[in-house]
PDB file of N, CA and C in Angstrom:
ATOM      1  N   MET A   1      15.490 -12.511  10.947  1.00  0.00           N
ATOM      2  CA  MET A   1      15.086 -11.718   9.866  1.00  0.00           C
ATOM      3  C   MET A   1      16.062 -10.895   9.445  1.00  0.00           C
ATOM      4  N   THR A   2      17.221 -10.343   8.564  1.00  0.00           N
ATOM      5  CA  THR A   2      17.607  -9.079   8.525  1.00  0.00           C
ATOM      6  C   THR A   2      17.161  -8.092   8.042  1.00  0.00           C
ATOM      7  N   LYS A   3      17.109  -7.337   8.340  1.00  0.00           N
ATOM      8  CA  LYS A   3      16.468  -6.191   8.056  1.00  0.00           C
ATOM      9  C   LYS A   3      17.404  -5.126   6.877  1.00  0.00           C
ATOM     10  N   ARG A   4      16.437  -5.138   5.818  1.00  0.00           N
ATOM     11  CA  ARG A   4      17.396  -4.743   4.352  1.00  0.00           C
ATOM     12  C   ARG A   4      16.045  -4.223   3.622  1.00  0.00           C
ATOM     13  N   GLY A   5      16.484  -3.171   2.470  1.00  0.00           N
ATOM     14  CA  GLY A   5      15.686  -2.202   1.676  1.00  0.00           C
ATOM     15  C   GLY A   5      15.743  -1.225   2.395  1.00  0.00           C
ATOM     16  N   LYS A   6      15.408  -0.177   1.084  1.00  0.00           N
ATOM     17  CA  LYS A   6      15.291   1.192   1.461  1.00  0.00           C
ATOM     18  C   LYS A   6      13.824   1.297   0.614  1.00  0.00           C
ATOM     19  N   LEU A   7      13.721   2.614   1.815  1.00  0.00           N
ATOM     20  CA  LEU A   7      12.658   3.149   1.058  1.00  0.00           C
ATOM     21  C   LEU A   7      12.599   4.967  -0.059  1.00  0.00           C
ATOM     22  N   VAL A   8      12.632   4.563  -1.007  1.00  0.00           N
ATOM     23  CA  VAL A   8      12.858   5.409  -2.388  1.00  0.00           C
ATOM     24  C   VAL A   8      11.584   5.669  -2.713  1.00  0.00           C
ATOM     25  N   GLN A   9      11.987   7.235  -3.365  1.00  0.00           N
ATOM     26  CA  GLN A   9      10.868   8.387  -3.785  1.00  0.00           C
ATOM     27  C   GLN A   9      10.491   7.147  -5.540  1.00  0.00           C
ATOM     28  N   CYS A  10       9.509   7.539  -5.573  1.00  0.00           N
ATOM     29  CA  CYS A  10       8.637   7.003  -6.866  1.00  0.00           C
ATOM     30  C   CYS A  10       9.135   7.960  -8.124  1.00  0.00           C
ATOM     31  N   LYS A  11       9.061   7.992  -8.914  1.00  0.00           N
ATOM     32  CA  LYS A  11      10.139   9.122  -9.843  1.00  0.00           C
ATOM     33  C   LYS A  11       9.140   8.858 -11.213  1.00  0.00           C
ATOM     34  N   PRO A  12       8.416  10.363 -11.717  1.00  0.00           N
ATOM     35  CA  PRO A  12       7.377  10.403 -12.336  1.00  0.00           C
ATOM     36  C   PRO A  12       8.079   9.873 -13.615  1.00  0.00           C
ATOM     37  N   LYS A  13       6.655   9.294 -14.887  1.00  0.00           N
ATOM     38  CA  LYS A  13       7.951   8.461 -15.632  1.00  0.00           C
ATOM     39  C   LYS A  13       7.240   9.811 -17.205  1.00  0.00           C
ATOM     40  N   PHE A  14       8.492  10.000 -17.749  1.00  0.00           N
ATOM     41  CA  PHE A  14       8.135  10.985 -18.888  1.00  0.00           C
ATOM     42  C   PHE A  14       7.803  10.663 -20.050  1.00  0.00           C
ATOM     43  N   ASN A  15       7.209  10.923 -21.452  1.00  0.00           N
ATOM     44  CA  ASN A  15       7.414   9.957 -22.800  1.00  0.00           C
ATOM     45  C   ASN A  15       8.350  11.357 -23.548  1.00  0.00           C
ATOM     46  N   PRO A  16       9.308  10.884 -24.000  1.00  0.00           N
ATOM     47  CA  PRO A  16       9.959  12.014 -24.555  1.00  0.00           C
ATOM     48  C   PRO A  16       8.712  12.409 -25.941  1.00  0.00           C
ATOM     49  N   PHE A  17       8.429  11.446 -26.863  1.00  0.00           N
ATOM     50  CA  PHE A  17       7.601  11.636 -27.962  1.00  0.00           C
ATOM     51  C   PHE A  17       6.270  12.721 -28.329  1.00  0.00           C
ATOM     52  N   THR A  18       5.970  13.309 -26.975  1.00  0.00           N
ATOM     53  CA  THR A  18       4.641  14.020 -26.230  1.00  0.00           C
ATOM     54  C   THR A  18       4.922  14.852 -25.745  1.00  0.00           C
ATOM     55  N   LYS A  19       6.139  14.590 -25.083  1.00  0.00           N
ATOM     56  CA  LYS A  19       7.317  15.478 -24.070  1.00  0.00           C
ATOM     57  C   LYS A  19       5.713  16.098 -23.066  1.00  0.00           C
ATOM     58  N   SER A  20       5.681  15.325 -22.637  1.00  0.00           N
ATOM     59  CA  SER A  20       4.876  14.838 -21.011  1.00  0.00           C
ATOM     60  C   SER A  20       5.525  13.871 -20.561  1.00  0.00           C
ATOM     61  N   LEU A  21       4.531  14.405 -19.112  1.00  0.00           N
ATOM     62  CA  LEU A  21       4.580  13.079 -17.364  1.00  0.00           C
ATOM     63  C   LEU A  21       3.550  12.164 -18.006  1.00  0.00           C
ATOM     64  N   MET A  22       4.050  11.174 -18.063  1.00  0.00           N
ATOM     65  CA  MET A  22       2.528   9.825 -17.670  1.00  0.00           C
ATOM     66  C   MET A  22       2.519   9.897 -15.863  1.00  0.00           C
ATOM     67  N   MET A  23       1.078   9.030 -16.013  1.00  0.00           N
ATOM     68  CA  MET A  23       0.949   8.780 -15.243  1.00  0.00           C
ATOM     69  C   MET A  23       2.117   7.727 -14.120  1.00  0.00           C
ATOM     70  N   ASN A  24       2.566   8.188 -12.786  1.00  0.00           N
ATOM     71  CA  ASN A  24       3.581   7.274 -12.254  1.00  0.00           C
ATOM     72  C   ASN A  24       1.795   5.788 -11.789  1.00  0.00           C
ATOM     73  N   THR A  25       2.457   4.779 -12.060  1.00  0.00           N
ATOM     74  CA  THR A  25       2.382   3.364 -12.349  1.00  0.00           C
ATOM     75  C   THR A  25       2.751   2.332 -11.549  1.00  0.00           C
ATOM     76  N   GLY A  26       4.148   3.132 -11.023  1.00  0.00           N
ATOM     77  CA  GLY A  26       4.765   2.119 -10.319  1.00  0.00           C
ATOM     78  C   GLY A  26       4.824   2.363  -8.668  1.00  0.00           C
ATOM     79  N   GLY A  27       4.140   3.106  -8.106  1.00  0.00           N
ATOM     80  CA  GLY A  27       3.900   3.433  -6.902  1.00  0.00           C
ATOM     81  C   GLY A  27       3.129   1.256  -5.759  1.00  0.00           C
ATOM     82  N   PHE A  28       3.410   1.770  -4.424  1.00  0.00           N
ATOM     83  CA  PHE A  28       3.133   1.078  -3.668  1.00  0.00           C
ATOM     84  C   PHE A  28       3.232   0.990  -2.389  1.00  0.00           C
ATOM     85  N   PRO A  29       2.018   1.343  -1.236  1.00  0.00           N
ATOM     86  CA  PRO A  29       0.566   0.909  -1.732  1.00  0.00           C
ATOM     87  C   PRO A  29       0.129   2.244  -2.701  1.00  0.00           C
ATOM     88  N   ASP A  30      -1.361   1.955  -3.288  1.00  0.00           N
ATOM     89  CA  ASP A  30      -1.840   2.821  -4.162  1.00  0.00           C
ATOM     90  C   ASP A  30      -2.080   3.527  -3.514  1.00  0.00           C
ATOM     91  N   PHE A  31      -2.761   3.594  -2.130  1.00  0.00           N
ATOM     92  CA  PHE A  31      -2.738   4.833  -1.244  1.00  0.00           C
ATOM     93  C   PHE A  31      -2.733   5.337  -0.054  1.00  0.00           C
ATOM     94  N   ILE A  32      -2.335   6.606   0.267  1.00  0.00           N
ATOM     95  CA  ILE A  32      -1.954   6.754   1.292  1.00  0.00           C
ATOM     96  C   ILE A  32      -2.919   7.559   2.495  1.00  0.00           C
ATOM     97  N   THR A  33      -3.694   7.073   3.135  1.00  0.00           N
ATOM     98  CA  THR A  33      -4.422   7.836   3.800  1.00  0.00           C
ATOM     99  C   THR A  33      -4.087   8.273   5.749  1.00  0.00           C
ATOM    100  N   PHE A  34      -4.649   9.193   6.296  1.00  0.00           N
ATOM    101  CA  PHE A  34      -3.791  10.006   7.236  1.00  0.00           C
ATOM    102  C   PHE A  34      -5.163  10.398   8.091  1.00  0.00           C
ATOM    103  N   ARG A  35      -4.867   9.409   9.579  1.00  0.00           N
ATOM    104  CA  ARG A  35      -6.250   9.393  10.501  1.00  0.00           C
ATOM    105  C   ARG A  35      -5.797  10.116  11.638  1.00  0.00           C
ATOM    106  N   LYS A  36      -6.716  11.525  11.589  1.00  0.00           N
ATOM    107  CA  LYS A  36      -6.221  12.268  12.813  1.00  0.00           C
ATOM    108  C   LYS A  36      -6.549  11.522  14.428  1.00  0.00           C
ATOM    109  N   GLN A  37      -5.033  11.459  15.147  1.00  0.00           N
ATOM    110  CA  GLN A  37      -6.198  10.785  16.734  1.00  0.00           C
ATOM    111  C   GLN A  37      -5.223  12.036  17.709  1.00  0.00           C
ATOM    112  N   ASP A  38      -5.468  11.695  18.741  1.00  0.00           N
ATOM    113  CA  ASP A  38      -5.135  12.302  19.862  1.00  0.00           C
ATOM    114  C   ASP A  38      -3.508  12.949  20.025  1.00  0.00           C
ATOM    115  N   ASN A  39      -2.928  11.684  19.789  1.00  0.00           N
ATOM    116  CA  ASN A  39      -1.179  12.121  19.715  1.00  0.00           C
ATOM    117  C   ASN A  39      -0.711  12.224  18.114  1.00  0.00           C
ATOM    118  N   GLY A  40      -0.923  12.463  17.681  1.00  0.00           N
ATOM    119  CA  GLY A  40      -0.536  12.830  16.022  1.00  0.00           C
ATOM    120  C   GLY A  40      -1.377  12.370  15.166  1.00  0.00           C
ATOM    121  N   TYR A  41      -0.780  11.098  14.140  1.00  0.00           N
ATOM    122  CA  TYR A  41      -2.029  11.060  12.920  1.00  0.00           C
ATOM    123  C   TYR A  41      -1.826   9.205  12.573  1.00  0.00           C
ATOM    124  N   GLU A  42      -2.477   8.854  12.383  1.00  0.00           N
ATOM    125  CA  GLU A  42      -2.304   7.232  11.802  1.00  0.00           C
ATOM    126  C   GLU A  42      -2.278   7.173  10.836  1.00  0.00           C
ATOM    127  N   VAL A  43      -1.257   6.359  10.009  1.00  0.00           N
ATOM    128  CA  VAL A  43      -0.798   6.314   8.921  1.00  0.00           C
ATOM    129  C   VAL A  43      -1.157   4.985   8.308  1.00  0.00           C
ATOM    130  N   ILE A  44      -2.037   5.100   7.076  1.00  0.00           N
ATOM    131  CA  ILE A  44      -2.357   4.058   6.547  1.00  0.00           C
ATOM    132  C   ILE A  44      -1.791   3.212   5.075  1.00  0.00           C
ATOM    133  N   GLY A  45      -1.734   2.313   4.593  1.00  0.00           N
ATOM    134  CA  GLY A  45      -1.550   2.602   3.229  1.00  0.00           C
ATOM    135  C   GLY A  45      -2.213   1.723   3.027  1.00  0.00           C
ATOM    136  N   VAL A  46      -2.482   1.727   1.778  1.00  0.00           N
ATOM    137  CA  VAL A  46      -4.016   1.415   1.342  1.00  0.00           C
ATOM    138  C   VAL A  46      -3.655   0.589  -0.016  1.00  0.00           C
ATOM    139  N   GLU A  47      -4.029  -0.732  -0.208  1.00  0.00           N
ATOM    140  CA  GLU A  47      -3.395  -1.351  -1.475  1.00  0.00           C
ATOM    141  C   GLU A  47      -4.587  -1.808  -2.246  1.00  0.00           C
ATOM    142  N   VAL A  48      -4.454  -2.081  -3.368  1.00  0.00           N
ATOM    143  CA  VAL A  48      -6.535  -2.151  -4.043  1.00  0.00           C
ATOM    144  C   VAL A  48      -5.607  -3.257  -5.095  1.00  0.00           C
ATOM    145  N   LYS A  49      -6.930  -4.367  -4.602  1.00  0.00           N
ATOM    146  CA  LYS A  49      -6.505  -5.751  -5.153  1.00  0.00           C
ATOM    147  C   LYS A  49      -8.350  -5.921  -5.769  1.00  0.00           C
ATOM    148  N   ALA A  50      -8.866  -6.080  -7.254  1.00  0.00           N
ATOM    149  CA  ALA A  50     -10.501  -6.395  -7.155  1.00  0.00           C
ATOM    150  C   ALA A  50     -10.052  -8.283  -6.052  1.00  0.00           C
ATOM    151  N   ASN A  51      -9.483  -9.275  -6.127  1.00  0.00           N
ATOM    152  CA  ASN A  51      -9.468 -10.660  -5.777  1.00  0.00           C
ATOM    153  C   ASN A  51      -9.136 -10.669  -4.278  1.00  0.00           C
ATOM    154  N   GLY A  52      -8.456  -8.795  -3.780  1.00  0.00           N
ATOM    155  CA  GLY A  52      -8.107  -9.184  -2.362  1.00  0.00           C
ATOM    156  C   GLY A  52      -6.608 -10.040  -2.175  1.00  0.00           C
ATOM    157  N   TRP A  53      -6.086 -10.513  -3.425  1.00  0.00           N
ATOM    158  CA  TRP A  53      -5.031 -11.915  -2.412  1.00  0.00           C
ATOM    159  C   TRP A  53      -3.785 -10.723  -2.962  1.00  0.00           C
ATOM    160  N   LEU A  54      -2.451 -10.143  -2.437  1.00  0.00           N
ATOM    161  CA  LEU A  54      -0.975  -9.942  -2.427  1.00  0.00           C
ATOM    162  C   LEU A  54      -0.096 -10.802  -2.996  1.00  0.00           C
ATOM    163  N   ASP A  55       1.143 -10.730  -4.068  1.00  0.00           N
ATOM    164  CA  ASP A  55       1.983 -11.787  -4.138  1.00  0.00           C
ATOM    165  C   ASP A  55       2.737 -11.863  -3.245  1.00  0.00           C
ATOM    166  N   ARG A  56       4.119 -12.998  -3.725  1.00  0.00           N
ATOM    167  CA  ARG A  56       4.657 -12.601  -2.912  1.00  0.00           C
ATOM    168  C   ARG A  56       5.930 -11.441  -2.140  1.00  0.00           C
ATOM    169  N   GLU A  57       6.086 -10.800  -3.662  1.00  0.00           N
ATOM    170  CA  GLU A  57       6.564  -9.107  -3.652  1.00  0.00           C
ATOM    171  C   GLU A  57       5.715  -8.394  -2.642  1.00  0.00           C
ATOM    172  N   GLU A  58       4.586  -8.527  -2.957  1.00  0.00           N
ATOM    173  CA  GLU A  58       4.152  -7.399  -2.153  1.00  0.00           C
ATOM    174  C   GLU A  58       3.828  -7.531  -0.547  1.00  0.00           C
ATOM    175  N   LYS A  59       3.679  -9.229  -0.099  1.00  0.00           N
ATOM    176  CA  LYS A  59       3.271  -9.407   0.980  1.00  0.00           C
ATOM    177  C   LYS A  59       4.760  -8.990   1.629  1.00  0.00           C
ATOM    178  N   GLU A  60       5.814  -9.619   1.574  1.00  0.00           N
ATOM    179  CA  GLU A  60       7.105  -8.915   1.958  1.00  0.00           C
ATOM    180  C   GLU A  60       7.456  -6.904   1.506  1.00  0.00           C
ATOM    181  N   LYS A  61       6.628  -6.903   0.860  1.00  0.00           N
ATOM    182  CA  LYS A  61       6.746  -5.147   0.991  1.00  0.00           C
ATOM    183  C   LYS A  61       5.893  -4.414   1.811  1.00  0.00           C
ATOM    184  N   CYS A  62       4.925  -5.161   2.573  1.00  0.00           N
ATOM    185  CA  CYS A  62       4.159  -4.660   3.522  1.00  0.00           C
ATOM    186  C   CYS A  62       4.602  -5.300   5.205  1.00  0.00           C
ATOM    187  N   ILE A  63       5.152  -6.161   4.843  1.00  0.00           N
ATOM    188  CA  ILE A  63       6.317  -6.627   5.631  1.00  0.00           C
ATOM    189  C   ILE A  63       7.082  -5.519   6.066  1.00  0.00           C
ATOM    190  N   TRP A  64       7.921  -4.623   5.044  1.00  0.00           N
ATOM    191  CA  TRP A  64       8.992  -3.764   5.399  1.00  0.00           C
ATOM    192  C   TRP A  64       8.490  -3.084   5.933  1.00  0.00           C
ATOM    193  N   LEU A  65       7.099  -2.647   5.177  1.00  0.00           N
ATOM    194  CA  LEU A  65       6.859  -1.101   5.269  1.00  0.00           C
ATOM    195  C   LEU A  65       6.393  -1.226   7.072  1.00  0.00           C
ATOM    196  N   LEU A  66       5.561  -2.652   7.398  1.00  0.00           N
ATOM    197  CA  LEU A  66       5.338  -2.202   8.737  1.00  0.00           C
ATOM    198  C   LEU A  66       6.388  -2.438   9.839  1.00  0.00           C
ATOM    199  N   GLU A  67       7.375  -3.110   9.885  1.00  0.00           N
ATOM    200  CA  GLU A  67       8.311  -3.133  10.469  1.00  0.00           C
ATOM    201  C   GLU A  67       9.373  -2.164  10.799  1.00  0.00           C
ATOM    202  N   ASN A  68       9.268  -1.035   9.729  1.00  0.00           N
ATOM    203  CA  ASN A  68      10.312  -0.277   9.617  1.00  0.00           C
ATOM    204  C   ASN A  68       9.763   1.417  10.110  1.00  0.00           C
ATOM    205  N   LYS A  69       8.237   0.904  10.461  1.00  0.00           N
ATOM    206  CA  LYS A  69       7.161   2.171  11.105  1.00  0.00           C
ATOM    207  C   LYS A  69       6.702   2.777  10.316  1.00  0.00           C
ATOM    208  N   ILE A  70       6.565   2.856   8.920  1.00  0.00           N
ATOM    209  CA  ILE A  70       6.305   3.869   7.939  1.00  0.00           C
ATOM    210  C   ILE A  70       5.119   3.778   7.662  1.00  0.00           C
ATOM    211  N   PHE A  71       3.982   2.565   8.154  1.00  0.00           N
ATOM    212  CA  PHE A  71       2.686   2.790   8.012  1.00  0.00           C
ATOM    213  C   PHE A  71       2.354   1.910   9.217  1.00  0.00           C
ATOM    214  N   SER A  72       1.360   2.812  10.069  1.00  0.00           N
ATOM    215  CA  SER A  72       0.964   2.238  11.696  1.00  0.00           C
ATOM    216  C   SER A  72       0.006   1.066  10.866  1.00  0.00           C
ATOM    217  N   ARG A  73      -0.516   0.503   9.705  1.00  0.00           N
ATOM    218  CA  ARG A  73      -1.315  -0.602   9.365  1.00  0.00           C
ATOM    219  C   ARG A  73      -1.111  -0.279   7.499  1.00  0.00           C
ATOM    220  N   ILE A  74      -2.407  -1.231   7.178  1.00  0.00           N
ATOM    221  CA  ILE A  74      -1.927  -1.425   6.089  1.00  0.00           C
ATOM    222  C   ILE A  74      -3.261  -2.091   5.089  1.00  0.00           C
ATOM    223  N   LEU A  75      -3.993  -1.652   4.763  1.00  0.00           N
ATOM    224  CA  LEU A  75      -5.091  -2.325   4.099  1.00  0.00           C
ATOM    225  C   LEU A  75      -5.102  -2.285   3.371  1.00  0.00           C
ATOM    226  N   VAL A  76      -5.904  -4.068   2.804  1.00  0.00           N
ATOM    227  CA  VAL A  76      -5.991  -4.399   1.520  1.00  0.00           C
ATOM    228  C   VAL A  76      -7.832  -4.323   0.835  1.00  0.00           C
ATOM    229  N   ALA A  77      -7.898  -3.254  -0.206  1.00  0.00           N
ATOM    230  CA  ALA A  77      -9.192  -3.582  -0.751  1.00  0.00           C
ATOM    231  C   ALA A  77      -9.516  -4.111  -1.868  1.00  0.00           C
ATOM    232  N   ARG A  78     -11.034  -4.710  -1.829  1.00  0.00           N
ATOM    233  CA  ARG A  78     -11.046  -5.618  -2.998  1.00  0.00           C
ATOM    234  C   ARG A  78     -12.859  -5.379  -2.828  1.00  0.00           C
ATOM    235  N   LYS A  79     -13.017  -5.627  -4.091  1.00  0.00           N
ATOM    236  CA  LYS A  79     -14.661  -6.467  -4.517  1.00  0.00           C
ATOM    237  C   LYS A  79     -15.238  -6.977  -3.454  1.00  0.00           C
ATOM    238  N   SER A  80     -16.862  -5.777  -3.085  1.00  0.00           N
ATOM    239  CA  SER A  80     -17.651  -6.906  -2.200  1.00  0.00           C
ATOM    240  C   SER A  80     -18.182  -7.926  -3.117  1.00  0.00           C
ATOM    241  N   LYS A  81     -19.256  -8.854  -2.138  1.00  0.00           N
ATOM    242  CA  LYS A  81     -19.826  -9.340  -3.148  1.00  0.00           C
ATOM    243  C   LYS A  81     -21.375  -8.428  -3.239  1.00  0.00           C
ATOM    244  N   GLU A  82     -21.230  -8.446  -2.202  1.00  0.00           N
ATOM    245  CA  GLU A  82     -22.414  -7.080  -2.548  1.00  0.00           C
ATOM    246  C   GLU A  82     -22.008  -5.886  -4.126  1.00  0.00           C
ATOM    247  N   LYS A  83     -22.941  -5.972  -4.998  1.00  0.00           N
ATOM    248  CA  LYS A  83     -22.673  -4.492  -6.091  1.00  0.00           C
ATOM    249  C   LYS A  83     -22.199  -3.494  -5.399  1.00  0.00           C
ATOM    250  N   GLY A  84     -21.477  -2.513  -5.823  1.00  0.00           N
ATOM    251  CA  GLY A  84     -20.793  -1.511  -5.640  1.00  0.00           C
ATOM    252  C   GLY A  84     -20.290  -0.499  -4.171  1.00  0.00           C
ATOM    253  N   LYS A  85     -19.907  -2.541  -3.368  1.00  0.00           N
ATOM    254  CA  LYS A  85     -19.196  -1.656  -2.442  1.00  0.00           C
ATOM    255  C   LYS A  85     -17.940  -2.239  -2.723  1.00  0.00           C
ATOM    256  N   ILE A  86     -17.430  -1.473  -1.106  1.00  0.00           N
ATOM    257  CA  ILE A  86     -15.838  -2.158  -0.842  1.00  0.00           C
ATOM    258  C   ILE A  86     -15.539  -2.590   0.469  1.00  0.00           C
ATOM    259  N   GLU A  87     -14.754  -3.869   0.216  1.00  0.00           N
ATOM    260  CA  GLU A  87     -14.211  -4.165   1.354  1.00  0.00           C
ATOM    261  C   GLU A  87     -12.588  -3.997   1.208  1.00  0.00           C
ATOM    262  N   TYR A  88     -12.709  -3.746   2.402  1.00  0.00           N
ATOM    263  CA  TYR A  88     -11.130  -3.781   3.951  1.00  0.00           C
ATOM    264  C   TYR A  88     -10.860  -4.774   4.477  1.00  0.00           C
ATOM    265  N   ILE A  89      -9.655  -5.195   3.675  1.00  0.00           N
ATOM    266  CA  ILE A  89      -8.777  -6.334   4.758  1.00  0.00           C
ATOM    267  C   ILE A  89      -7.814  -5.469   5.298  1.00  0.00           C
ATOM    268  N   ASP A  90      -7.584  -5.773   7.067  1.00  0.00           N
ATOM    269  CA  ASP A  90      -6.455  -5.614   7.630  1.00  0.00           C
ATOM    270  C   ASP A  90      -5.405  -6.600   7.199  1.00  0.00           C
ATOM    271  N   PHE A  91      -3.893  -5.792   6.660  1.00  0.00           N
ATOM    272  CA  PHE A  91      -3.417  -7.234   6.008  1.00  0.00           C
ATOM    273  C   PHE A  91      -2.598  -7.710   7.396  1.00  0.00           C
ATOM    274  N   LYS A  92      -2.310  -7.560   8.904  1.00  0.00           N
ATOM    275  CA  LYS A  92      -1.927  -7.821   9.990  1.00  0.00           C
ATOM    276  C   LYS A  92      -2.984  -8.968  10.547  1.00  0.00           C
ATOM    277  N   VAL A  93      -4.171  -8.982   9.877  1.00  0.00           N
ATOM    278  CA  VAL A  93      -4.828  -9.652  10.333  1.00  0.00           C
ATOM    279  C   VAL A  93      -5.624 -10.621   9.620  1.00  0.00           C
ATOM    280  N   LYS A  94      -5.487 -11.346   8.434  1.00  0.00           N
ATOM    281  CA  LYS A  94      -5.653 -11.367   6.991  1.00  0.00           C
ATOM    282  C   LYS A  94      -3.665 -12.226   7.250  1.00  0.00           C
ATOM    283  N   TYR A  95      -2.949 -11.650   7.182  1.00  0.00           N
ATOM    284  CA  TYR A  95      -1.602 -12.724   7.082  1.00  0.00           C
ATOM    285  C   TYR A  95      -1.284 -13.408   8.390  1.00  0.00           C
ATOM    286  N   ASN A  96      -1.662 -12.443   9.297  1.00  0.00           N
ATOM    287  CA  ASN A  96      -1.263 -13.043  10.866  1.00  0.00           C
ATOM    288  C   ASN A  96       0.141 -12.928  11.428  1.00  0.00           C
ATOM    289  N   LYS A  97       0.182 -11.888  10.255  1.00  0.00           N
ATOM    290  CA  LYS A  97       1.734 -11.137  10.700  1.00  0.00           C
ATOM    291  C   LYS A  97       1.449  -9.780  12.043  1.00  0.00           C
ATOM    292  N   LYS A  98       2.693 -10.222  12.741  1.00  0.00           N
ATOM    293  CA  LYS A  98       2.750  -9.773  14.312  1.00  0.00           C
ATOM    294  C   LYS A  98       3.112  -8.029  14.068  1.00  0.00           C
TER     295      LYS A  98
END
């Protein structure tokens, strides 16, 4: 597999009619978390999906982010069957990626 792609900063969107900034909607993953460890920090990306399924393009992005050591791991958050609960699935475990 050839390494390709690059990491680019997400630019804010500007509404020229109201002259205001709009919310960034193009970010992937949805959240970035930091967990303190003895030797530094673990950086975890969290992508939120109601059903827990990623499309092909999102899977490729996850693989690239993990291979290039941008994130230590990526979690997919989805609705749990229990009302009001959130379930987190590790990308490497669900999609069996090394």
